[in-house]
Amino acid sequence: MAIVSIRYVKALVNLTTKENRILYADKLNNLASIYTNNLEFKNMVDNPEVSNQDKLDIIISIIKPDKILTNFINELLKEQRISYINDIAKKYQAEIDKLESKLNIEIVTSIPITEKEAQEIADKFKNMYKVSAVNYQIKLDKKIIGGIKVIVNDKVYDNTLETKLEELFGK
């Protein structure tokens, strides 16, 4: 799935301009969210008995894409790749962030951390990845005994107590 998604993402990035990249990311994220959260919509889009044109017409009425994005979505429908929309939306966002020297991270802890602590973590990743900006989200996970986990795209920096103990004593 990842390789297929990357091909579509690279194609779309090549068709976009700096001015419309963020708009496309918003529209793709919106479509991915609807596809994930609206079972009726997902079932309609995945139904082979519904024509691709009908599917496209409904998608157009919801996210109102321009010609390039309409053609892109039509291609996903024709090639039966619309089910990859979540992965495509995430990878597209990551790709434009990379082009704009931005990094998105998710900080996962068992207890709340302050904005100052989160910013210190973000600054470390800003320096590590040599980017101009880092956006972060803080997520609480009660399964973590102690420490933190930082997720950057598909890479996980795991500094939790559980992982440290596993490294020390083996699984």
C-alpha atoms as a PDB file:
ATOM      1  CA  MET A   1       0.000   0.000   0.000  1.00  0.00           C
ATOM      2  CA  ALA A   2       2.766   2.456   0.879  1.00  0.00           C
ATOM      3  CA  ILE A   3       4.496   2.185  -2.494  1.00  0.00           C
ATOM      4  CA  VAL A   4       1.239   2.726  -4.361  1.00  0.00           C
ATOM      5  CA  SER A   5       0.377   5.737  -2.200  1.00  0.00           C
ATOM      6  CA  ILE A   6       3.817   7.277  -2.683  1.00  0.00           C
ATOM      7  CA  ARG A   7       3.460   7.083  -6.466  1.00  0.00           C
ATOM      8  CA  TYR A   8       0.169   8.950  -6.349  1.00  0.00           C
ATOM      9  CA  VAL A   9       1.547  11.492  -3.881  1.00  0.00           C
ATOM     10  CA  LYS A  10       4.594  12.224  -6.024  1.00  0.00           C
ATOM     11  CA  ALA A  11       2.387  12.643  -9.087  1.00  0.00           C
ATOM     12  CA  LEU A  12       0.108  15.089  -7.278  1.00  0.00           C
ATOM     13  CA  VAL A  13       3.010  17.051  -5.781  1.00  0.00           C
ATOM     14  CA  ASN A  14       4.432  17.468  -9.291  1.00  0.00           C
ATOM     15  CA  LEU A  15       1.097  18.914 -10.460  1.00  0.00           C
ATOM     16  CA  THR A  16       0.703  21.387  -7.614  1.00  0.00           C
ATOM     17  CA  THR A  17       2.110  24.827  -7.058  1.00  0.00           C
ATOM     18  CA  LYS A  18       3.328  26.328  -3.827  1.00  0.00           C
ATOM     19  CA  GLU A  19       0.114  28.354  -3.683  1.00  0.00           C
ATOM     20  CA  ASN A  20      -2.307  25.403  -3.841  1.00  0.00           C
ATOM     21  CA  ARG A  21      -0.414  22.715  -1.882  1.00  0.00           C
ATOM     22  CA  ILE A  22      -2.042  23.534   1.453  1.00  0.00           C
ATOM     23  CA  LEU A  23      -5.493  23.733  -0.136  1.00  0.00           C
ATOM     24  CA  TYR A  24      -4.993  20.296  -1.693  1.00  0.00           C
ATOM     25  CA  ALA A  25      -3.797  18.893   1.625  1.00  0.00           C
ATOM     26  CA  ASP A  26      -6.916  20.241   3.340  1.00  0.00           C
ATOM     27  CA  LYS A  27      -9.204  18.778   0.682  1.00  0.00           C
ATOM     28  CA  LEU A  28      -7.443  15.388   0.752  1.00  0.00           C
ATOM     29  CA  ASN A  29      -7.572  15.326   4.569  1.00  0.00           C
ATOM     30  CA  ASN A  30     -11.260  16.234   4.435  1.00  0.00           C
ATOM     31  CA  LEU A  31     -11.972  13.436   1.951  1.00  0.00           C
ATOM     32  CA  ALA A  32      -9.934  10.955   4.031  1.00  0.00           C
ATOM     33  CA  SER A  33     -11.811  11.959   7.179  1.00  0.00           C
ATOM     34  CA  ILE A  34     -15.193  11.522   5.521  1.00  0.00           C
ATOM     35  CA  TYR A  35     -14.120   8.187   4.034  1.00  0.00           C
ATOM     36  CA  THR A  36     -12.970   6.973   7.459  1.00  0.00           C
ATOM     37  CA  ASN A  37     -15.773   8.348   9.622  1.00  0.00           C
ATOM     38  CA  ASN A  38     -18.865   8.103   7.428  1.00  0.00           C
ATOM     39  CA  LEU A  39     -19.747   4.449   6.875  1.00  0.00           C
ATOM     40  CA  GLU A  40     -22.508   5.271   4.386  1.00  0.00           C
ATOM     41  CA  PHE A  41     -20.088   7.322   2.270  1.00  0.00           C
ATOM     42  CA  LYS A  42     -17.373   4.641   2.485  1.00  0.00           C
ATOM     43  CA  ASN A  43     -19.814   1.904   1.464  1.00  0.00           C
ATOM     44  CA  MET A  44     -21.003   3.967  -1.504  1.00  0.00           C
ATOM     45  CA  VAL A  45     -17.449   4.717  -2.669  1.00  0.00           C
ATOM     46  CA  ASP A  46     -16.380   1.085  -2.256  1.00  0.00           C
ATOM     47  CA  ASN A  47     -19.494  -0.274  -3.989  1.00  0.00           C
ATOM     48  CA  PRO A  48     -18.604  -1.566  -7.474  1.00  0.00           C
ATOM     49  CA  GLU A  49     -22.246  -1.204  -8.569  1.00  0.00           C
ATOM     50  CA  VAL A  50     -22.074   2.589  -8.198  1.00  0.00           C
ATOM     51  CA  SER A  51     -20.490   4.154 -11.275  1.00  0.00           C
ATOM     52  CA  ASN A  52     -17.218   6.036 -10.905  1.00  0.00           C
ATOM     53  CA  GLN A  53     -18.917   9.114 -12.354  1.00  0.00           C
ATOM     54  CA  ASP A  54     -21.607   9.014  -9.636  1.00  0.00           C
ATOM     55  CA  LYS A  55     -18.915   8.588  -6.982  1.00  0.00           C
ATOM     56  CA  LEU A  56     -16.914  11.467  -8.448  1.00  0.00           C
ATOM     57  CA  ASP A  57     -20.006  13.704  -8.619  1.00  0.00           C
ATOM     58  CA  ILE A  58     -20.709  13.097  -4.926  1.00  0.00           C
ATOM     59  CA  ILE A  59     -17.075  13.713  -3.937  1.00  0.00           C
ATOM     60  CA  ILE A  60     -17.008  16.921  -6.010  1.00  0.00           C
ATOM     61  CA  SER A  61     -20.174  18.147  -4.298  1.00  0.00           C
ATOM     62  CA  ILE A  62     -18.558  17.582  -0.888  1.00  0.00           C
ATOM     63  CA  ILE A  63     -14.973  18.831  -1.241  1.00  0.00           C
ATOM     64  CA  LYS A  64     -15.319  21.055  -4.328  1.00  0.00           C
ATOM     65  CA  PRO A  65     -11.926  20.290  -5.904  1.00  0.00           C
ATOM     66  CA  ASP A  66     -10.397  22.149  -8.835  1.00  0.00           C
ATOM     67  CA  LYS A  67      -9.722  20.425 -12.183  1.00  0.00           C
ATOM     68  CA  ILE A  68      -6.350  18.945 -11.171  1.00  0.00           C
ATOM     69  CA  LEU A  69      -7.673  17.446  -7.940  1.00  0.00           C
ATOM     70  CA  THR A  70     -10.846  16.256  -9.685  1.00  0.00           C
ATOM     71  CA  ASN A  71      -8.723  14.426 -12.259  1.00  0.00           C
ATOM     72  CA  PHE A  72      -6.566  12.998  -9.473  1.00  0.00           C
ATOM     73  CA  ILE A  73      -9.592  11.661  -7.565  1.00  0.00           C
ATOM     74  CA  ASN A  74     -11.067  10.334 -10.799  1.00  0.00           C
ATOM     75  CA  GLU A  75      -7.824   8.424 -11.411  1.00  0.00           C
ATOM     76  CA  LEU A  76      -7.998   6.948  -7.883  1.00  0.00           C
ATOM     77  CA  LEU A  77     -11.553   5.819  -8.602  1.00  0.00           C
ATOM     78  CA  LYS A  78     -10.698   4.372 -12.023  1.00  0.00           C
ATOM     79  CA  GLU A  79      -7.737   2.436 -10.671  1.00  0.00           C
ATOM     80  CA  GLN A  80      -9.716   1.348  -7.581  1.00  0.00           C
ATOM     81  CA  ARG A  81      -7.239   3.107  -5.272  1.00  0.00           C
ATOM     82  CA  ILE A  82      -9.657   5.381  -3.422  1.00  0.00           C
ATOM     83  CA  SER A  83      -9.364   3.096  -0.394  1.00  0.00           C
ATOM     84  CA  TYR A  84      -5.772   4.408  -0.062  1.00  0.00           C
ATOM     85  CA  ILE A  85      -7.010   7.960   0.505  1.00  0.00           C
ATOM     86  CA  ASN A  86      -5.983   8.054   4.188  1.00  0.00           C
ATOM     87  CA  ASP A  87      -2.441   6.986   3.411  1.00  0.00           C
ATOM     88  CA  ILE A  88      -2.267   9.304   0.405  1.00  0.00           C
ATOM     89  CA  ALA A  89      -3.498  12.276   2.466  1.00  0.00           C
ATOM     90  CA  LYS A  90      -0.929  11.614   5.233  1.00  0.00           C
ATOM     91  CA  LYS A  91       1.941  11.120   2.834  1.00  0.00           C
ATOM     92  CA  TYR A  92       0.942  14.174   0.780  1.00  0.00           C
ATOM     93  CA  GLN A  93       0.950  16.299   3.942  1.00  0.00           C
ATOM     94  CA  ALA A  94       4.363  14.899   4.909  1.00  0.00           C
ATOM     95  CA  GLU A  95       5.711  15.609   1.427  1.00  0.00           C
ATOM     96  CA  ILE A  96       4.584  19.236   1.346  1.00  0.00           C
ATOM     97  CA  ASP A  97       5.858  19.732   4.895  1.00  0.00           C
ATOM     98  CA  LYS A  98       9.227  18.422   3.713  1.00  0.00           C
ATOM     99  CA  LEU A  99       9.175  20.827   0.759  1.00  0.00           C
ATOM    100  CA  GLU A 100       8.413  23.694   3.134  1.00  0.00           C
ATOM    101  CA  SER A 101      10.998  22.524   5.683  1.00  0.00           C
ATOM    102  CA  LYS A 102       8.355  21.691   8.294  1.00  0.00           C
ATOM    103  CA  LEU A 103       8.099  18.673  10.548  1.00  0.00           C
ATOM    104  CA  ASN A 104       5.050  17.236  12.293  1.00  0.00           C
ATOM    105  CA  ILE A 105       5.603  15.194  15.418  1.00  0.00           C
ATOM    106  CA  GLU A 106       3.358  13.436  17.897  1.00  0.00           C
ATOM    107  CA  ILE A 107       4.536  13.393  21.501  1.00  0.00           C
ATOM    108  CA  VAL A 108       3.032  10.474  23.429  1.00  0.00           C
ATOM    109  CA  THR A 109       3.209  10.407  27.233  1.00  0.00           C
ATOM    110  CA  SER A 110       1.347   8.815  30.107  1.00  0.00           C
ATOM    111  CA  ILE A 111       0.959  12.110  31.975  1.00  0.00           C
ATOM    112  CA  PRO A 112       0.310  15.616  30.700  1.00  0.00           C
ATOM    113  CA  ILE A 113       3.364  17.702  29.872  1.00  0.00           C
ATOM    114  CA  THR A 114       3.617  21.475  29.794  1.00  0.00           C
ATOM    115  CA  GLU A 115       3.786  23.498  26.604  1.00  0.00           C
ATOM    116  CA  LYS A 116       7.341  24.445  27.582  1.00  0.00           C
ATOM    117  CA  GLU A 117       8.356  20.773  27.823  1.00  0.00           C
ATOM    118  CA  ALA A 118       6.661  19.996  24.526  1.00  0.00           C
ATOM    119  CA  GLN A 119       8.419  22.940  22.886  1.00  0.00           C
ATOM    120  CA  GLU A 120      11.792  21.719  24.213  1.00  0.00           C
ATOM    121  CA  ILE A 121      11.135  18.315  22.635  1.00  0.00           C
ATOM    122  CA  ALA A 122      10.032  19.987  19.390  1.00  0.00           C
ATOM    123  CA  ASP A 123      13.211  22.112  19.369  1.00  0.00           C
ATOM    124  CA  LYS A 124      15.375  18.980  19.678  1.00  0.00           C
ATOM    125  CA  PHE A 125      13.648  17.462  16.649  1.00  0.00           C
ATOM    126  CA  LYS A 126      13.891  20.755  14.780  1.00  0.00           C
ATOM    127  CA  ASN A 127      17.665  20.630  15.200  1.00  0.00           C
ATOM    128  CA  MET A 128      17.869  16.890  14.539  1.00  0.00           C
ATOM    129  CA  TYR A 129      15.918  17.139  11.263  1.00  0.00           C
ATOM    130  CA  LYS A 130      17.306  20.571  10.337  1.00  0.00           C
ATOM    131  CA  VAL A 131      13.886  22.059   9.564  1.00  0.00           C
ATOM    132  CA  SER A 132      12.570  25.579   9.945  1.00  0.00           C
ATOM    133  CA  ALA A 133       9.480  24.659  11.981  1.00  0.00           C
ATOM    134  CA  VAL A 134       8.036  21.806  14.025  1.00  0.00           C
ATOM    135  CA  ASN A 135       4.339  21.325  14.697  1.00  0.00           C
ATOM    136  CA  TYR A 136       3.508  18.986  17.523  1.00  0.00           C
ATOM    137  CA  GLN A 137       0.535  17.209  19.002  1.00  0.00           C
ATOM    138  CA  ILE A 138       0.523  15.837  22.506  1.00  0.00           C
ATOM    139  CA  LYS A 139      -1.243  12.535  23.037  1.00  0.00           C
ATOM    140  CA  LEU A 140      -1.825  10.794  26.357  1.00  0.00           C
ATOM    141  CA  ASP A 141      -1.483   7.019  26.523  1.00  0.00           C
ATOM    142  CA  LYS A 142      -2.200   5.451  29.911  1.00  0.00           C
ATOM    143  CA  LYS A 143      -0.453   2.234  28.784  1.00  0.00           C
ATOM    144  CA  ILE A 144       2.907   3.988  28.992  1.00  0.00           C
ATOM    145  CA  ILE A 145       4.452   3.422  32.413  1.00  0.00           C
ATOM    146  CA  GLY A 146       6.936   6.264  32.138  1.00  0.00           C
ATOM    147  CA  GLY A 147       8.966   8.177  29.592  1.00  0.00           C
ATOM    148  CA  ILE A 148       7.865   9.423  26.188  1.00  0.00           C
ATOM    149  CA  LYS A 149       7.452   8.284  22.637  1.00  0.00           C
ATOM    150  CA  VAL A 150       7.847  10.692  19.727  1.00  0.00           C
ATOM    151  CA  ILE A 151       6.413   9.791  16.340  1.00  0.00           C
ATOM    152  CA  VAL A 152       7.830  11.498  13.259  1.00  0.00           C
ATOM    153  CA  ASN A 153       6.104  10.419  10.052  1.00  0.00           C
ATOM    154  CA  ASP A 154       6.618   6.639  10.060  1.00  0.00           C
ATOM    155  CA  LYS A 155       9.494   6.631  12.554  1.00  0.00           C
ATOM    156  CA  VAL A 156       9.021   6.096  16.297  1.00  0.00           C
ATOM    157  CA  TYR A 157      11.525   7.351  18.858  1.00  0.00           C
ATOM    158  CA  ASP A 158      10.623   5.244  21.862  1.00  0.00           C
ATOM    159  CA  ASN A 159      12.108   6.380  25.148  1.00  0.00           C
ATOM    160  CA  THR A 160       9.525   4.714  27.377  1.00  0.00           C
ATOM    161  CA  LEU A 161      10.356   2.780  30.501  1.00  0.00           C
ATOM    162  CA  GLU A 162       8.911  -0.410  29.019  1.00  0.00           C
ATOM    163  CA  THR A 163      11.235  -0.226  26.021  1.00  0.00           C
ATOM    164  CA  LYS A 164      14.254   0.581  28.184  1.00  0.00           C
ATOM    165  CA  LEU A 165      13.498  -2.441  30.402  1.00  0.00           C
ATOM    166  CA  GLU A 166      13.066  -4.666  27.344  1.00  0.00           C
ATOM    167  CA  GLU A 167      16.422  -3.485  26.021  1.00  0.00           C
ATOM    168  CA  LEU A 168      18.029  -4.134  29.390  1.00  0.00           C
ATOM    169  CA  PHE A 169      16.502  -7.527  30.154  1.00  0.00           C
ATOM    170  CA  GLY A 170      15.275  -8.727  26.763  1.00  0.00           C
ATOM    171  CA  LYS A 171      11.687  -9.633  25.959  1.00  0.00           C
END
